[in-house]
């Protein structure tokens, strides 16, 4: 992994090409790059919550019915996520911190997020 130059000095490829070590990536930078919910999914979830009002009820049967309606709505749910997938996505969205939000969130949704 060493190369020789005209001066016969041995230089490693890492020094020659200034290759950083992979273990040097700061944890904070990596954490900020990786979002628990992508920006597109955040936009999608906000549309669904505005239309169906998820999370305001403590009744599980009513929430199941709401998620089922959401899953059947092909205009909003164009990716055809299942009821269970939508539940997981909304639950993950509700657990986001303020710094992880990348879209505008209404005060109603912020209030629901703080309850959880």
Foldseek 3Di string as FASTA:
>chain_A
DWDADPVRDTDDPCRVVVDDDPVPPDPVVVVLVDAPADQVLLVLLLVLCVVQVAQPDPDPVSNLVSLQVVLPPCVSPVVSDHSVRSVVSNVSSLQDDPSRHPDDDDPVSVVSSVVD
